[in-house]
Amino acid sequence: MNRIILIGNGFDLAHGLDTKYTDFIDDFWIKKLNTFSDSLKNDSLKRISDYNNSNKDIGNYTDNDISVHVKDYQYILQSAEIVEAETGFQTFRNFISHFRPYTFQSNYEFNNLFLGQISGKQQLQKWVDIEEEYYSALLKCLENEKDIRKLNEDFKQIQILLQIYLSEQIKKKVSLNRNIEKNMYSPLLQTDFIEDIKENKLDKICFLNFNYTSTIKTYSDCRKDVKTINIHGQINNPNNPIIFGYGDEMDDNYKKIEKENNDFLKYVKSFMYSRTNNYKELLAFINSDVYQVYIMGLSCSTSDRTLLSTLFGHKHCKSIKIFYYNKNSIENNYLDIYMNISRNFINKEKMRELVVSFENSIPLIN
């Protein structure tokens, strides 16, 4: 019997990488704040005039992401302080509000509209939340087809910013966790299966890496009969570019999107999979023998439902084991992942047979 180990962002987090969406977006806005502040100090803003041409000390800061109108910045800058807020965007917004040209009016506007859509929503905590937010924006474009190209341009810019951020994160040294390694290569357990497995032994292992990083190499290098498929691509690898989009062809609204022009399908994962042989390699692996699925750090959300439905629903899939995350001494995310897995099954009875109970599951890190 083979084993497929799904590696998600929680795996990187368990190894000390700051790869949460909130890490990225907070870092982005703090850097944007520093750039904006430097522009004020260097007096490099573009001068503009107010409505009556009476105030010459009004400037405009603009880049691909945002435009900010400021007034009396040479004077106000002397007393304006940067006060850390709950999010990086709030910190940025609070600081620039000191320089509003007109009272009770916002002095910024987004040039990247999708960035504006995701920056102000504190409930967005995971990368899959952003992919689902993109899908929601995509559906809104059905009302106005002209908006789709702008949305895709803005979304592509987010991808570029993400790669820049992750390029810094992967410079951190990653240490192997012996408990995680032990669980990865552990023998098959009868308690994980409904069927009798006494005559089966663990044969090959496939790491299905949903991350853009290569943290998994710490565990796979120098191992025989171990295969790694970077299904969502890798940062800074033109031969395996990152896949960031939406992957739920089972959604009720997907048929509407298919009827539109190809711009609507540009960031649907199924089409992006065709750029490499990764997906076909996965199919070859799951067709080769029966297998057990280990889930390590992957939320199993609807953003990857097309792929996960194929993996979980295959006749060779004999068990699905969740390595959950302990939020504190009382709470964990086992049920959250289980409920996400359920959305990939039409046959719920089959799902209940395959998913290992919480009693027989263990945390990713102890």
Protein backbone atom coordinates (compact mmCIF):
# COMPACT_ATOMS: atom_id res chain seq x y z
CA MET A 1 0.00 0.00 0.00
CA ASN A 2 1.17 3.52 -0.81
CA ARG A 3 0.81 6.71 1.19
CA ILE A 4 0.07 10.21 -0.08
CA ILE A 5 0.96 13.00 2.33
CA LEU A 6 -0.77 16.33 1.67
CA ILE A 7 1.49 19.21 2.70
CA GLY A 8 -0.22 22.55 3.33
CA ASN A 9 0.66 25.94 4.76
CA GLY A 10 0.27 24.68 8.32
CA PHE A 11 3.34 22.54 7.67
CA ASP A 12 5.45 25.61 6.91
CA LEU A 13 4.06 27.38 9.96
CA ALA A 14 5.03 24.40 12.11
CA HIS A 15 8.61 24.91 10.91
CA GLY A 16 8.79 28.58 11.85
CA LEU A 17 8.04 30.23 8.51
CA ASP A 18 5.79 33.31 8.61
CA THR A 19 3.70 32.22 5.64
CA LYS A 20 0.18 33.01 6.82
CA TYR A 21 -1.82 35.40 4.65
CA THR A 22 -1.95 37.82 7.57
CA ASP A 23 1.86 37.71 7.83
CA PHE A 24 2.12 38.68 4.17
CA ILE A 25 -0.50 41.44 4.11
CA ASP A 26 0.69 43.03 7.37
CA ASP A 27 4.28 43.02 6.11
CA PHE A 28 3.12 44.54 2.83
CA TRP A 29 1.37 47.50 4.47
CA ILE A 30 4.14 48.21 6.97
CA LYS A 31 6.61 48.37 4.08
CA LYS A 32 4.17 50.57 2.16
CA LEU A 33 3.96 52.85 5.19
CA ASN A 34 7.75 53.13 5.36
CA THR A 35 7.94 53.95 1.65
CA PHE A 36 5.23 56.59 2.04
CA SER A 37 6.94 58.10 5.08
CA ASP A 38 10.27 58.26 3.23
CA SER A 39 8.57 60.09 0.36
CA LEU A 40 7.37 62.72 2.80
CA LYS A 41 10.77 63.09 4.43
CA ASN A 42 12.51 63.34 1.06
CA ASP A 43 9.90 65.77 -0.22
CA SER A 44 9.49 63.66 -3.35
CA LEU A 45 5.72 63.81 -3.68
CA LYS A 46 4.12 65.18 -6.81
CA ARG A 47 2.75 68.66 -6.10
CA ILE A 48 -0.94 69.23 -6.81
CA SER A 49 -3.26 72.13 -6.11
CA ASP A 50 -6.48 72.29 -4.13
CA TYR A 51 -9.73 73.44 -5.69
CA ASN A 52 -8.91 77.13 -5.25
CA ASN A 53 -5.21 76.90 -6.06
CA SER A 54 -4.66 78.52 -2.68
CA ASN A 55 -2.63 75.82 -0.97
CA LYS A 56 0.57 74.70 -2.65
CA ASP A 57 1.56 72.31 0.10
CA ILE A 58 -0.62 69.48 -1.18
CA GLY A 59 1.04 66.43 -2.65
CA ASN A 60 0.16 63.09 -4.15
CA TYR A 61 1.81 59.75 -3.47
CA THR A 62 0.96 57.09 -6.03
CA ASP A 63 2.17 53.66 -7.11
CA ASN A 64 0.65 50.52 -8.66
CA ASP A 65 -1.26 49.75 -5.49
CA ILE A 66 -2.57 52.98 -3.99
CA SER A 67 -2.78 56.76 -4.29
CA VAL A 68 -2.66 59.05 -1.25
CA HIS A 69 -3.43 62.77 -1.18
CA VAL A 70 -1.65 64.71 1.56
CA LYS A 71 -1.80 68.26 2.91
CA ASP A 72 0.70 70.28 4.96
CA TYR A 73 2.93 67.25 5.15
CA GLN A 74 6.12 69.17 5.82
CA TYR A 75 4.54 70.66 8.94
CA ILE A 76 2.46 67.68 10.13
CA LEU A 77 5.28 65.18 9.60
CA GLN A 78 7.15 66.72 12.51
CA SER A 79 4.49 65.55 14.99
CA ALA A 80 2.80 62.61 13.23
CA GLU A 81 3.52 59.29 14.90
CA ILE A 82 3.20 55.76 13.63
CA VAL A 83 0.98 53.93 16.10
CA GLU A 84 0.73 50.17 15.60
CA ALA A 85 -2.88 49.01 15.12
CA GLU A 86 -4.48 45.57 14.92
CA THR A 87 -3.49 45.11 11.27
CA GLY A 88 -0.81 46.54 9.01
CA PHE A 89 -3.43 48.18 6.82
CA GLN A 90 -5.04 49.91 9.80
CA THR A 91 -1.62 51.16 10.88
CA PHE A 92 -1.04 52.56 7.39
CA ARG A 93 -4.50 54.10 7.15
CA ASN A 94 -4.29 55.71 10.59
CA PHE A 95 -0.96 57.33 9.76
CA ILE A 96 -1.98 58.77 6.39
CA SER A 97 -5.19 60.18 7.93
CA HIS A 98 -3.01 62.84 9.62
CA PHE A 99 -2.46 64.38 6.20
CA ARG A 100 -6.04 64.54 4.88
CA PRO A 101 -6.54 67.64 2.69
CA TYR A 102 -10.22 67.81 3.57
CA THR A 103 -11.77 66.98 6.92
CA PHE A 104 -13.96 63.86 7.15
CA GLN A 105 -12.92 62.67 3.69
CA SER A 106 -10.76 59.70 2.89
CA ASN A 107 -7.43 60.71 1.37
CA TYR A 108 -6.57 57.42 -0.35
CA GLU A 109 -7.86 55.30 -3.19
CA PHE A 110 -6.77 51.92 -4.48
CA ASN A 111 -5.23 51.54 -7.91
CA ASN A 112 -5.24 47.78 -7.33
CA LEU A 113 -8.94 47.23 -6.66
CA PHE A 114 -8.55 43.61 -5.57
CA LEU A 115 -5.93 44.65 -3.03
CA GLY A 116 -8.48 47.11 -1.67
CA GLN A 117 -11.07 44.35 -1.50
CA ILE A 118 -8.90 42.05 0.62
CA SER A 119 -7.03 44.60 2.74
CA GLY A 120 -10.05 45.85 4.64
CA LYS A 121 -11.48 42.44 5.52
CA GLN A 122 -10.11 41.21 8.82
CA GLN A 123 -11.99 37.91 8.55
CA LEU A 124 -9.64 36.83 5.75
CA GLN A 125 -7.09 34.73 7.60
CA LYS A 126 -5.89 32.08 5.15
CA TRP A 127 -4.62 31.94 1.59
CA VAL A 128 -7.68 29.93 0.62
CA ASP A 129 -9.81 32.85 1.85
CA ILE A 130 -8.11 35.05 -0.75
CA GLU A 131 -8.67 32.49 -3.49
CA GLU A 132 -12.34 32.32 -2.55
CA GLU A 133 -12.48 36.13 -2.46
CA TYR A 134 -11.10 36.15 -6.00
CA TYR A 135 -13.82 33.71 -7.04
CA SER A 136 -16.48 35.97 -5.51
CA ALA A 137 -15.04 38.93 -7.44
CA LEU A 138 -15.02 36.77 -10.56
CA LEU A 139 -18.74 36.09 -10.21
CA LYS A 140 -19.43 39.81 -9.87
CA CYS A 141 -17.70 40.33 -13.21
CA LEU A 142 -20.51 38.35 -14.82
CA GLU A 143 -22.53 41.56 -14.45
CA ASN A 144 -19.90 43.64 -16.23
CA GLU A 145 -17.53 41.75 -18.51
CA LYS A 146 -15.20 44.76 -18.80
CA ASP A 147 -14.15 44.35 -15.17
CA ILE A 148 -12.62 40.89 -15.62
CA ARG A 149 -9.34 42.03 -17.17
CA LYS A 150 -8.80 44.60 -14.44
CA LEU A 151 -9.51 41.95 -11.80
CA ASN A 152 -7.01 39.55 -13.39
CA GLU A 153 -4.35 42.25 -13.64
CA ASP A 154 -4.80 43.13 -9.98
CA PHE A 155 -4.79 39.48 -8.94
CA LYS A 156 -1.58 38.86 -10.88
CA GLN A 157 0.06 41.72 -8.99
CA ILE A 158 -0.87 40.03 -5.70
CA GLN A 159 0.84 36.87 -6.95
CA ILE A 160 4.01 38.84 -7.74
CA LEU A 161 4.00 40.44 -4.29
CA LEU A 162 3.46 37.03 -2.70
CA GLN A 163 6.50 35.56 -4.47
CA ILE A 164 8.63 38.49 -3.34
CA TYR A 165 7.51 37.96 0.25
CA LEU A 166 8.02 34.19 0.22
CA SER A 167 11.45 34.60 -1.37
CA GLU A 168 12.50 36.25 1.88
CA GLN A 169 10.83 33.61 4.06
CA ILE A 170 12.58 30.66 2.43
CA LYS A 171 15.95 32.11 3.42
CA LYS A 172 15.20 31.02 6.98
CA LYS A 173 16.84 27.83 8.17
CA VAL A 174 14.37 24.97 8.62
CA SER A 175 15.07 22.21 11.12
CA LEU A 176 13.71 18.71 10.81
CA ASN A 177 11.12 17.74 13.42
CA ARG A 178 11.76 14.15 14.52
CA ASN A 179 8.16 13.54 15.59
CA ILE A 180 6.83 14.68 12.22
CA GLU A 181 9.39 12.52 10.43
CA LYS A 182 8.47 9.53 12.56
CA ASN A 183 4.77 9.95 11.70
CA MET A 184 5.45 10.39 7.99
CA TYR A 185 7.26 7.09 7.72
CA SER A 186 5.29 5.21 10.37
CA PRO A 187 3.97 1.73 9.57
CA LEU A 188 0.36 1.17 8.59
CA LEU A 189 -2.03 0.87 11.52
CA GLN A 190 -5.07 -1.39 11.39
CA THR A 191 -7.02 1.17 13.47
CA ASP A 192 -6.80 3.60 10.51
CA PHE A 193 -8.71 1.24 8.20
CA ILE A 194 -12.07 -0.46 7.92
CA GLU A 195 -10.66 -3.23 5.74
CA ASP A 196 -8.18 -5.84 6.93
CA ILE A 197 -4.61 -4.70 6.07
CA LYS A 198 -2.61 -7.41 7.81
CA GLU A 199 -1.02 -8.54 4.56
CA ASN A 200 -0.25 -5.01 3.36
CA LYS A 201 2.99 -3.17 3.99
CA LEU A 202 3.87 0.46 3.36
CA ASP A 203 5.43 0.67 -0.08
CA LYS A 204 5.88 4.08 -1.72
CA ILE A 205 5.29 7.56 -0.33
CA CYS A 206 4.25 10.60 -2.33
CA PHE A 207 4.47 14.09 -0.85
CA LEU A 208 1.81 16.19 -2.55
CA ASN A 209 3.08 19.66 -1.74
CA PHE A 210 0.48 22.45 -1.97
CA ASN A 211 3.01 25.02 -0.73
CA TYR A 212 5.22 27.14 -2.98
CA THR A 213 8.14 26.57 -0.64
CA SER A 214 10.45 23.56 -0.45
CA THR A 215 10.31 22.87 3.29
CA ILE A 216 9.31 19.28 2.53
CA LYS A 217 12.76 18.61 1.03
CA THR A 218 14.09 18.43 4.59
CA TYR A 219 12.11 15.19 4.94
CA SER A 220 12.29 13.74 1.42
CA ASP A 221 15.92 14.15 0.38
CA CYS A 222 18.06 10.99 0.48
CA ARG A 223 14.96 8.80 0.88
CA LYS A 224 14.25 5.86 -1.42
CA ASP A 225 10.76 5.23 -2.81
CA VAL A 226 9.73 8.80 -1.97
CA LYS A 227 8.24 11.08 -4.60
CA THR A 228 7.49 14.80 -4.26
CA ILE A 229 4.96 16.56 -6.48
CA ASN A 230 4.87 20.36 -6.11
CA ILE A 231 1.32 20.50 -7.39
CA HIS A 232 0.94 24.28 -6.97
CA GLY A 233 4.35 25.14 -8.37
CA GLN A 234 7.37 26.72 -6.74
CA ILE A 235 8.45 30.30 -6.24
CA ASN A 236 11.12 31.51 -8.64
CA ASN A 237 10.83 28.37 -10.80
CA PRO A 238 9.81 29.25 -14.37
CA ASN A 239 9.52 25.54 -15.21
CA ASN A 240 6.94 25.07 -12.45
CA PRO A 241 5.26 28.46 -11.96
CA ILE A 242 3.00 29.00 -8.97
CA ILE A 243 -0.69 28.20 -9.22
CA PHE A 244 -2.83 30.64 -7.29
CA GLY A 245 -6.49 30.85 -8.18
CA TYR A 246 -9.63 28.81 -7.72
CA GLY A 247 -10.24 25.09 -8.07
CA ASP A 248 -13.87 24.23 -7.48
CA GLU A 249 -15.54 23.14 -10.69
CA MET A 250 -18.32 21.56 -8.63
CA ASP A 251 -19.63 24.95 -7.51
CA ASP A 252 -23.14 25.78 -8.73
CA ASN A 253 -21.96 29.02 -10.36
CA TYR A 254 -19.07 27.49 -12.28
CA LYS A 255 -21.23 26.68 -15.31
CA LYS A 256 -22.01 30.40 -15.64
CA ILE A 257 -18.30 31.19 -15.77
CA GLU A 258 -17.66 28.56 -18.43
CA LYS A 259 -20.12 30.31 -20.73
CA GLU A 260 -18.07 33.52 -20.65
CA ASN A 261 -14.84 34.37 -22.51
CA ASN A 262 -11.52 32.80 -21.56
CA ASP A 263 -10.54 35.68 -19.29
CA PHE A 264 -12.94 34.20 -16.75
CA LEU A 265 -11.02 30.91 -16.75
CA LYS A 266 -7.50 32.35 -16.59
CA TYR A 267 -6.94 31.54 -12.90
CA VAL A 268 -8.99 28.35 -12.61
CA LYS A 269 -6.53 25.78 -11.28
CA SER A 270 -7.57 22.93 -13.57
CA PHE A 271 -6.33 24.85 -16.58
CA MET A 272 -3.14 25.95 -14.87
CA TYR A 273 -2.33 22.33 -14.03
CA SER A 274 -1.86 21.71 -17.75
CA ARG A 275 1.36 23.76 -17.79
CA THR A 276 3.32 20.87 -16.22
CA ASN A 277 3.08 17.09 -15.84
CA ASN A 278 2.45 17.34 -12.09
CA TYR A 279 -1.25 16.46 -12.22
CA LYS A 280 -0.67 13.51 -14.56
CA GLU A 281 2.09 12.24 -12.26
CA LEU A 282 -0.39 12.37 -9.37
CA LEU A 283 -2.98 10.44 -11.39
CA ALA A 284 -0.36 7.82 -12.29
CA PHE A 285 0.51 7.42 -8.61
CA ILE A 286 -3.07 7.01 -7.36
CA ASN A 287 -3.86 4.58 -10.19
CA SER A 288 -0.85 2.41 -9.42
CA ASP A 289 -1.98 0.92 -6.08
CA VAL A 290 -4.23 1.39 -3.07
CA TYR A 291 -3.19 4.21 -0.76
CA GLN A 292 -3.70 6.02 2.51
CA VAL A 293 -3.88 9.83 2.69
CA TYR A 294 -2.13 11.78 5.45
CA ILE A 295 -3.10 15.45 5.86
CA MET A 296 -0.38 17.65 7.32
CA GLY A 297 -1.17 21.35 7.45
CA LEU A 298 -3.74 21.48 4.63
CA SER A 299 -7.21 22.88 5.32
CA CYS A 300 -8.83 20.91 2.44
CA SER A 301 -11.05 23.85 1.52
CA THR A 302 -13.26 24.20 -1.56
CA SER A 303 -10.52 26.18 -3.31
CA ASP A 304 -8.95 22.80 -4.15
CA ARG A 305 -12.12 20.74 -4.34
CA THR A 306 -11.62 19.52 -7.91
CA LEU A 307 -8.27 17.93 -7.08
CA LEU A 308 -9.21 16.69 -3.62
CA SER A 309 -12.44 15.10 -4.86
CA THR A 310 -10.38 13.09 -7.34
CA LEU A 311 -7.94 12.05 -4.63
CA PHE A 312 -10.44 11.22 -1.87
CA GLY A 313 -13.06 9.67 -4.13
CA HIS A 314 -10.73 7.31 -5.98
CA LYS A 315 -11.42 3.58 -5.56
CA HIS A 316 -7.82 3.11 -4.36
CA CYS A 317 -8.22 5.52 -1.42
CA LYS A 318 -8.56 3.38 1.71
CA SER A 319 -8.01 5.82 4.57
CA ILE A 320 -7.73 9.56 5.30
CA LYS A 321 -5.85 10.59 8.43
CA ILE A 322 -5.84 14.15 9.78
CA PHE A 323 -2.83 15.48 11.66
CA TYR A 324 -4.55 18.34 13.41
CA TYR A 325 -3.34 21.58 14.97
CA ASN A 326 -3.87 22.32 18.67
CA LYS A 327 -5.03 25.93 18.95
CA ASN A 328 -4.74 25.76 22.74
CA SER A 329 -5.14 23.22 25.52
CA ILE A 330 -8.82 22.78 24.68
CA GLU A 331 -9.39 23.62 20.99
CA ASN A 332 -8.02 22.07 17.80
CA ASN A 333 -8.88 22.18 14.09
CA TYR A 334 -9.66 18.47 13.55
CA LEU A 335 -13.40 19.02 12.99
CA ASP A 336 -12.77 22.04 10.74
CA ILE A 337 -10.65 19.91 8.43
CA TYR A 338 -13.12 17.00 8.65
CA MET A 339 -16.01 19.28 7.61
CA ASN A 340 -13.93 20.64 4.73
CA ILE A 341 -13.16 17.09 3.63
CA SER A 342 -16.89 16.28 3.67
CA ARG A 343 -17.51 18.83 0.92
CA ASN A 344 -15.40 16.70 -1.40
CA PHE A 345 -17.69 13.69 -1.03
CA ILE A 346 -21.05 12.99 -2.60
CA ASN A 347 -21.18 9.65 -0.78
CA LYS A 348 -21.05 10.71 2.88
CA GLU A 349 -21.18 7.12 4.11
CA LYS A 350 -17.97 6.42 2.22
CA MET A 351 -16.40 9.50 3.78
CA ARG A 352 -17.18 8.29 7.29
CA GLU A 353 -15.56 4.95 6.49
CA LEU A 354 -12.36 6.57 5.25
CA VAL A 355 -11.68 9.41 7.71
CA VAL A 356 -9.80 8.24 10.80
CA SER A 357 -11.55 9.20 14.05
CA PHE A 358 -10.21 11.93 16.27
CA GLU A 359 -9.51 9.30 18.92
CA ASN A 360 -7.04 7.60 16.56
CA SER A 361 -5.57 10.84 15.22
CA ILE A 362 -2.62 12.84 16.53
CA PRO A 363 -1.50 16.49 16.27
CA LEU A 364 1.02 17.54 13.63
CA ILE A 365 3.31 18.85 16.35
CA ASN A 366 3.16 17.72 19.98
